[in-house]
Amino acid sequence: MYEGTPLLKGISFEVTSGEVLCLLGRSGSGKSTLLRIIAGIEEADSGSVLWDGIDLKDTPTHLRHFGLMFQDYALFPHRDVGENVAFGLRMQGVRGQELDERVNAALEQVNMSQFIHRRVTDLSGGEQQRVALARALAPSPRLLMLDEPLAALDRALRAQLQEELRDVLQRTGIPAIYVTHDQDEALALGDRMALLNEGEIVQIGCPETLYRWPKNVWAAKFLGMQNFFSGQISSTDPLQMDTSVGLFQASAAADTHFSVGEKVTAVITSIADFTSSQNKGGNLLQGICQECLFKGELYQIKIKLSHNELFTYLSSHSVNVGEKVELEIPVENLVCLKEG
């Protein structure tokens, strides 16, 4: 609770063996609080944390055997790399040759064996991140939780470490909960994604399902979609909606049902290279090019439609500003959403 308002509401999910679940949400959505509750650092006002069906309510943090890696790494500056990695093992009573072997094994997993005697203050941000991961892995946790561990790194290094982290998680097979606000990071690492907004899970599932079938307008916008049309249902078989820019045939999630006359919002879930219409039918969009920006391999094109609505898509071909554009949107890329 914060000032009488619950920070988390109705949270319920599970993580299976070897799975990486990404908790995706903006700052303040409750992601870090949720991790701290699972770790036993904070206590929930209600509900339970279960491991193999056993309630961990009365189990202290150090006996839960969960690993937690923070955004700032929380390394000990007065200790070298090996001593930092050994810390959790010493807390478990590991000593002597076994301690040395497990420290070396953990550092080898993250390609940091040669830095074992290096001061952590002499390491780069990426190297510190690897040491923090080795420290979390060394005690062989039964669950690993990572709280935005790559957020402080620059883009190029973050992309590199995403690949390394994914490889480590796959090799260890340790189930993991990965907190991030970065959609690309969640796609790179997550077997499943849970979208968190204002303390509630809005949608959970595999990344492809979330992108193809966002549950509502908030989920679609959070996932980066930007082409929305408001209208009302004119037919349910096939599903059609009447909008200010035309009549469109749409698709919908299997568990979503609409009625004729119902007000809805449709989202175009892809901004891929749509082809020009050849049959002058289907979901036809016509407009005038307002902007054409080169984005590396593709061009980002913005067109103005008949009622001044703007539509953005990516194309392998450039378009001149002022040129007329005609596109046909596949039915599977136009998803009908309930209002609200």
Protein backbone atom coordinates (compact mmCIF):
# COMPACT_ATOMS: atom_id res chain seq x y z
CA MET A 1 0.00 0.00 0.00
CA TYR A 2 1.12 3.57 -0.69
CA GLU A 3 -0.88 6.36 0.98
CA GLY A 4 -3.81 3.97 1.26
CA THR A 5 -3.68 2.89 -2.39
CA PRO A 6 -2.58 -0.64 -3.31
CA LEU A 7 0.54 -0.69 -5.52
CA LEU A 8 -0.36 -4.12 -6.92
CA LYS A 9 -3.88 -5.40 -7.61
CA GLY A 10 -5.02 -8.89 -8.53
CA ILE A 11 -1.58 -10.09 -9.62
CA SER A 12 -1.50 -13.78 -10.52
CA PHE A 13 0.97 -15.64 -12.73
CA GLU A 14 3.33 -18.59 -12.70
CA VAL A 15 6.80 -19.28 -14.08
CA THR A 16 7.63 -22.75 -15.32
CA SER A 17 10.96 -24.57 -15.27
CA GLY A 18 13.48 -23.09 -17.70
CA GLU A 19 11.18 -20.23 -18.69
CA VAL A 20 12.03 -16.54 -18.87
CA LEU A 21 9.03 -14.35 -18.06
CA CYS A 22 9.49 -10.65 -18.83
CA LEU A 23 7.55 -8.16 -16.72
CA LEU A 24 7.12 -5.19 -19.01
CA GLY A 25 5.82 -1.84 -17.82
CA ARG A 26 6.58 1.83 -17.37
CA SER A 27 8.34 3.25 -14.32
CA GLY A 28 6.02 3.17 -11.32
CA SER A 29 3.87 0.32 -12.65
CA GLY A 30 4.86 -1.96 -9.75
CA LYS A 31 7.46 -4.21 -11.42
CA SER A 32 10.24 -3.81 -8.85
CA THR A 33 7.81 -4.01 -5.94
CA LEU A 34 6.54 -7.32 -7.27
CA LEU A 35 10.09 -8.73 -7.40
CA ARG A 36 10.81 -7.60 -3.87
CA ILE A 37 7.67 -9.34 -2.63
CA ILE A 38 8.63 -12.58 -4.38
CA ALA A 39 12.15 -12.32 -2.93
CA GLY A 40 10.75 -11.76 0.57
CA ILE A 41 12.29 -8.29 0.92
CA GLU A 42 8.82 -6.77 1.17
CA GLU A 43 5.60 -8.30 2.45
CA ALA A 44 2.33 -8.18 0.56
CA ASP A 45 -0.84 -7.09 2.38
CA SER A 46 -2.63 -10.12 0.96
CA GLY A 47 -2.03 -13.04 -1.35
CA SER A 48 0.74 -15.61 -1.37
CA VAL A 49 3.97 -16.60 -3.10
CA LEU A 50 4.01 -20.32 -3.81
CA TRP A 51 6.91 -22.57 -4.79
CA ASP A 52 5.84 -26.04 -5.89
CA GLY A 53 2.58 -25.38 -4.07
CA ILE A 54 4.27 -24.41 -0.77
CA ASP A 55 3.47 -20.96 0.63
CA LEU A 56 6.66 -18.98 1.31
CA LYS A 57 5.02 -16.41 3.56
CA ASP A 58 7.02 -17.45 6.64
CA THR A 59 10.22 -18.26 4.72
CA PRO A 60 12.88 -15.55 5.16
CA THR A 61 14.65 -14.12 2.13
CA HIS A 62 17.91 -16.04 2.57
CA LEU A 63 16.10 -19.38 2.78
CA ARG A 64 14.01 -18.93 -0.38
CA HIS A 65 17.03 -19.72 -2.57
CA PHE A 66 16.06 -17.05 -5.09
CA GLY A 67 18.66 -14.94 -6.89
CA LEU A 68 18.04 -11.22 -7.34
CA MET A 69 20.08 -8.97 -9.59
CA PHE A 70 19.54 -5.21 -9.29
CA GLN A 71 19.86 -2.46 -11.88
CA ASP A 72 22.82 -0.86 -10.05
CA TYR A 73 24.50 -4.31 -9.63
CA ALA A 74 25.07 -3.65 -5.85
CA LEU A 75 28.67 -4.90 -6.02
CA PHE A 76 31.03 -4.43 -3.06
CA PRO A 77 33.63 -1.83 -4.17
CA HIS A 78 36.17 -2.89 -1.51
CA ARG A 79 36.22 -6.51 -2.77
CA ASP A 80 37.65 -7.94 -5.97
CA VAL A 81 35.63 -9.85 -8.56
CA GLY A 82 36.17 -13.28 -7.02
CA GLU A 83 35.22 -12.08 -3.53
CA ASN A 84 32.05 -10.47 -4.86
CA VAL A 85 30.99 -13.69 -6.56
CA ALA A 86 31.86 -15.71 -3.44
CA PHE A 87 29.67 -13.60 -1.16
CA GLY A 88 26.41 -15.53 -1.60
CA LEU A 89 28.21 -18.85 -1.40
CA ARG A 90 29.85 -17.90 1.90
CA MET A 91 26.40 -16.99 3.23
CA GLN A 92 25.39 -20.58 2.43
CA GLY A 93 28.40 -21.92 4.35
CA VAL A 94 30.42 -22.95 1.29
CA ARG A 95 34.15 -22.95 2.00
CA GLY A 96 37.53 -24.19 0.72
CA GLN A 97 37.98 -25.94 -2.60
CA GLU A 98 34.23 -26.10 -3.31
CA LEU A 99 34.01 -22.32 -2.92
CA ASP A 100 36.86 -21.76 -5.37
CA GLU A 101 35.41 -24.19 -7.89
CA ARG A 102 31.94 -22.64 -7.83
CA VAL A 103 33.29 -19.10 -8.09
CA ASN A 104 35.39 -20.11 -11.09
CA ALA A 105 32.45 -21.93 -12.69
CA ALA A 106 30.16 -18.90 -12.26
CA LEU A 107 32.73 -16.52 -13.76
CA GLU A 108 33.32 -18.92 -16.65
CA GLN A 109 29.61 -18.86 -17.45
CA VAL A 110 29.81 -15.11 -18.08
CA ASN A 111 33.29 -15.10 -19.68
CA MET A 112 34.92 -13.26 -16.76
CA SER A 113 37.36 -15.88 -15.42
CA GLN A 114 40.40 -13.75 -16.29
CA PHE A 115 39.09 -10.90 -14.11
CA ILE A 116 38.82 -12.91 -10.87
CA HIS A 117 41.40 -10.78 -9.02
CA ARG A 118 40.44 -7.45 -10.61
CA ARG A 119 38.92 -4.68 -8.46
CA VAL A 120 35.31 -4.16 -9.45
CA THR A 121 35.86 -0.39 -9.50
CA ASP A 122 38.30 -0.94 -12.40
CA LEU A 123 35.67 -2.68 -14.54
CA SER A 124 33.48 -1.21 -17.26
CA GLY A 125 29.70 -1.14 -16.88
CA GLY A 126 29.29 -4.24 -19.02
CA GLU A 127 31.94 -6.13 -17.05
CA GLN A 128 30.29 -5.16 -13.75
CA GLN A 129 27.00 -6.43 -15.13
CA ARG A 130 28.59 -9.80 -15.88
CA VAL A 131 30.08 -10.01 -12.37
CA ALA A 132 26.70 -9.23 -10.82
CA LEU A 133 25.14 -11.99 -12.93
CA ALA A 134 27.88 -14.45 -11.90
CA ARG A 135 27.25 -13.59 -8.24
CA ALA A 136 23.53 -14.25 -8.69
CA LEU A 137 24.18 -17.57 -10.45
CA ALA A 138 26.91 -18.90 -8.14
CA PRO A 139 24.59 -20.16 -5.34
CA SER A 140 22.54 -22.10 -7.97
CA PRO A 141 19.24 -20.31 -7.24
CA ARG A 142 16.03 -22.12 -8.04
CA LEU A 143 14.61 -18.84 -9.41
CA LEU A 144 16.53 -15.88 -10.84
CA MET A 145 15.04 -12.37 -10.79
CA LEU A 146 16.61 -9.52 -12.74
CA ASP A 147 15.49 -5.92 -12.18
CA GLU A 148 16.36 -3.92 -15.32
CA PRO A 149 19.99 -5.10 -15.24
CA LEU A 150 20.88 -3.51 -18.60
CA ALA A 151 19.14 -0.16 -18.19
CA ALA A 152 22.30 1.82 -17.38
CA LEU A 153 24.23 0.60 -20.44
CA ASP A 154 24.48 2.23 -23.85
CA ARG A 155 22.42 0.83 -26.70
CA ALA A 156 25.16 -1.13 -28.49
CA LEU A 157 26.43 -2.79 -25.31
CA ARG A 158 22.89 -3.50 -24.18
CA ALA A 159 22.16 -5.37 -27.42
CA GLN A 160 25.36 -7.41 -27.05
CA LEU A 161 24.63 -8.33 -23.43
CA GLN A 162 21.05 -9.27 -24.27
CA GLU A 163 22.41 -12.05 -26.48
CA GLU A 164 24.90 -13.15 -23.83
CA LEU A 165 22.27 -13.11 -21.09
CA ARG A 166 19.81 -15.10 -23.19
CA ASP A 167 22.50 -17.70 -23.84
CA VAL A 168 23.37 -17.96 -20.12
CA LEU A 169 19.72 -18.34 -19.10
CA GLN A 170 19.14 -21.03 -21.72
CA ARG A 171 22.25 -22.97 -20.69
CA THR A 172 21.49 -22.89 -16.96
CA GLY A 173 17.79 -23.70 -17.35
CA ILE A 174 17.01 -21.62 -14.25
CA PRO A 175 13.51 -20.09 -14.43
CA ALA A 176 13.78 -16.32 -14.50
CA ILE A 177 11.63 -13.22 -14.04
CA TYR A 178 13.08 -10.33 -15.99
CA VAL A 179 11.86 -6.79 -15.32
CA THR A 180 12.20 -4.19 -18.07
CA HIS A 181 10.47 -1.18 -19.61
CA ASP A 182 12.07 -1.88 -23.01
CA GLN A 183 9.92 -3.81 -25.49
CA ASP A 184 12.88 -4.86 -27.65
CA GLU A 185 14.64 -6.27 -24.61
CA ALA A 186 11.54 -8.23 -23.63
CA LEU A 187 11.27 -9.64 -27.16
CA ALA A 188 14.94 -10.64 -27.15
CA LEU A 189 14.81 -12.43 -23.80
CA GLY A 190 11.28 -13.47 -22.92
CA ASP A 191 9.52 -16.76 -23.59
CA ARG A 192 6.44 -14.95 -22.30
CA MET A 193 5.67 -11.31 -21.57
CA ALA A 194 3.39 -9.82 -18.91
CA LEU A 195 2.28 -6.22 -19.51
CA LEU A 196 1.96 -4.37 -16.20
CA ASN A 197 0.06 -1.08 -15.88
CA GLU A 198 -0.70 0.72 -12.61
CA GLY A 199 -0.15 -2.44 -10.59
CA GLU A 200 -2.26 -4.76 -12.73
CA ILE A 201 -1.34 -7.33 -15.38
CA VAL A 202 -3.16 -6.17 -18.50
CA GLN A 203 -2.12 -9.07 -20.71
CA ILE A 204 0.20 -12.06 -20.51
CA GLY A 205 1.34 -14.48 -23.19
CA CYS A 206 4.04 -15.23 -25.73
CA PRO A 207 5.43 -12.14 -27.51
CA GLU A 208 3.92 -13.04 -30.89
CA THR A 209 0.42 -13.39 -29.42
CA LEU A 210 0.64 -10.04 -27.64
CA TYR A 211 1.74 -8.28 -30.81
CA ARG A 212 -0.81 -9.96 -33.04
CA TRP A 213 -3.70 -9.69 -30.58
CA PRO A 214 -3.27 -6.79 -28.11
CA LYS A 215 -6.03 -6.91 -25.52
CA ASN A 216 -6.90 -3.21 -25.52
CA VAL A 217 -5.80 0.21 -26.73
CA TRP A 218 -3.36 0.69 -23.83
CA ALA A 219 -1.58 -2.59 -24.61
CA ALA A 220 -1.39 -1.75 -28.31
CA LYS A 221 0.02 1.72 -27.65
CA PHE A 222 2.49 0.43 -25.09
CA LEU A 223 3.78 -2.09 -27.62
CA GLY A 224 4.49 0.78 -30.00
CA MET A 225 1.49 0.61 -32.32
CA GLN A 226 0.38 4.00 -33.59
CA ASN A 227 -2.27 3.54 -36.28
CA PHE A 228 -5.75 3.57 -34.69
CA PHE A 229 -9.20 4.11 -36.20
CA SER A 230 -12.45 4.63 -34.32
CA GLY A 231 -15.76 3.43 -35.70
CA GLN A 232 -18.63 1.07 -35.12
CA ILE A 233 -19.41 -2.52 -36.07
CA SER A 234 -21.51 -2.80 -39.23
CA SER A 235 -21.35 -6.58 -39.55
CA THR A 236 -20.21 -9.48 -37.40
CA ASP A 237 -19.92 -12.17 -40.12
CA PRO A 238 -17.60 -11.17 -41.58
CA LEU A 239 -16.44 -8.70 -38.95
CA GLN A 240 -16.62 -5.23 -40.47
CA MET A 241 -16.37 -1.73 -39.04
CA ASP A 242 -17.40 1.61 -40.48
CA THR A 243 -14.87 4.42 -39.90
CA SER A 244 -14.30 7.97 -41.06
CA VAL A 245 -11.78 6.71 -43.61
CA GLY A 246 -13.81 3.84 -44.99
CA LEU A 247 -15.39 0.45 -44.40
CA PHE A 248 -12.91 -2.15 -43.22
CA GLN A 249 -12.97 -5.87 -42.67
CA ALA A 250 -11.18 -6.62 -39.40
CA SER A 251 -10.06 -9.52 -37.24
CA ALA A 252 -10.43 -10.07 -33.50
CA ALA A 253 -9.06 -12.25 -30.75
CA ALA A 254 -10.82 -15.62 -30.45
CA ASP A 255 -12.35 -14.75 -27.06
CA THR A 256 -13.67 -11.32 -28.16
CA HIS A 257 -17.22 -10.88 -29.48
CA PHE A 258 -18.90 -7.79 -30.93
CA SER A 259 -22.43 -6.71 -31.79
CA VAL A 260 -23.70 -4.58 -34.69
CA GLY A 261 -23.63 -0.88 -33.79
CA GLU A 262 -21.01 -1.30 -31.06
CA LYS A 263 -18.39 1.43 -30.92
CA VAL A 264 -14.87 0.07 -31.30
CA THR A 265 -11.28 1.02 -31.97
CA ALA A 266 -9.21 -0.79 -34.57
CA VAL A 267 -5.43 -0.94 -34.58
CA ILE A 268 -3.16 -1.83 -37.46
CA THR A 269 -0.74 -4.20 -35.74
CA SER A 270 2.00 -4.05 -38.35
CA ILE A 271 3.66 -1.16 -40.14
CA ALA A 272 5.33 -3.48 -42.61
CA ASP A 273 5.75 -2.84 -46.31
CA PHE A 274 2.10 -2.95 -47.45
CA THR A 275 1.65 -3.44 -51.18
CA SER A 276 -0.34 -1.09 -53.38
CA SER A 277 -3.86 -2.28 -54.01
CA GLN A 278 -4.35 -4.07 -57.31
CA ASN A 279 -8.04 -4.95 -57.09
CA LYS A 280 -9.24 -1.62 -55.64
CA GLY A 281 -11.08 -3.51 -52.91
CA GLY A 282 -10.49 -4.79 -49.42
CA ASN A 283 -9.09 -2.53 -46.73
CA LEU A 284 -8.03 0.29 -49.01
CA LEU A 285 -6.23 3.35 -47.65
CA GLN A 286 -5.58 6.39 -49.82
CA GLY A 287 -3.65 9.45 -48.80
CA ILE A 288 -0.96 11.97 -49.57
CA CYS A 289 2.63 11.51 -48.42
CA GLN A 290 3.51 14.03 -45.72
CA GLU A 291 6.91 12.70 -44.70
CA CYS A 292 9.47 10.14 -45.82
CA LEU A 293 12.36 9.41 -43.44
CA PHE A 294 15.22 7.02 -44.10
CA LYS A 295 15.55 4.60 -41.15
CA GLY A 296 18.48 2.46 -42.19
CA GLU A 297 17.17 -0.48 -44.21
CA LEU A 298 13.65 0.97 -44.55
CA TYR A 299 11.83 4.24 -45.06
CA GLN A 300 9.27 5.48 -42.54
CA ILE A 301 6.43 7.04 -44.49
CA LYS A 302 3.64 9.17 -43.06
CA ILE A 303 0.54 9.81 -45.15
CA LYS A 304 -2.49 12.02 -44.52
CA LEU A 305 -5.85 10.34 -45.13
CA SER A 306 -9.16 11.88 -46.24
CA HIS A 307 -10.19 13.29 -42.83
CA ASN A 308 -6.69 14.47 -41.89
CA GLU A 309 -5.94 11.24 -40.02
CA LEU A 310 -2.28 10.28 -40.20
CA PHE A 311 -1.05 6.79 -41.04
CA THR A 312 2.56 5.63 -40.66
CA TYR A 313 4.17 2.61 -42.25
CA LEU A 314 7.59 1.25 -43.25
CA SER A 315 8.56 0.65 -46.84
CA SER A 316 11.56 -0.62 -48.75
CA HIS A 317 10.90 2.14 -51.29
CA SER A 318 10.93 5.89 -50.79
CA VAL A 319 7.90 8.07 -51.58
CA ASN A 320 7.99 11.71 -52.59
CA VAL A 321 6.30 14.23 -50.32
CA GLY A 322 2.99 15.22 -51.93
CA GLU A 323 2.72 11.95 -53.86
CA LYS A 324 -0.56 10.00 -53.72
CA VAL A 325 -0.28 6.68 -51.89
CA GLU A 326 -2.67 3.75 -52.13
CA LEU A 327 -2.35 0.77 -49.77
CA GLU A 328 -4.31 -2.37 -48.98
CA ILE A 329 -4.19 -3.53 -45.35
CA PRO A 330 -4.49 -7.31 -44.83
CA VAL A 331 -7.43 -8.31 -42.65
CA GLU A 332 -5.12 -10.09 -40.19
CA ASN A 333 -3.24 -6.82 -39.57
CA LEU A 334 -6.39 -4.87 -38.64
CA VAL A 335 -7.49 -5.91 -35.14
CA CYS A 336 -10.74 -4.75 -33.58
CA LEU A 337 -10.54 -3.74 -29.91
CA LYS A 338 -13.21 -3.14 -27.30
CA GLU A 339 -13.43 0.50 -26.21
CA GLY A 340 -11.91 1.11 -22.78
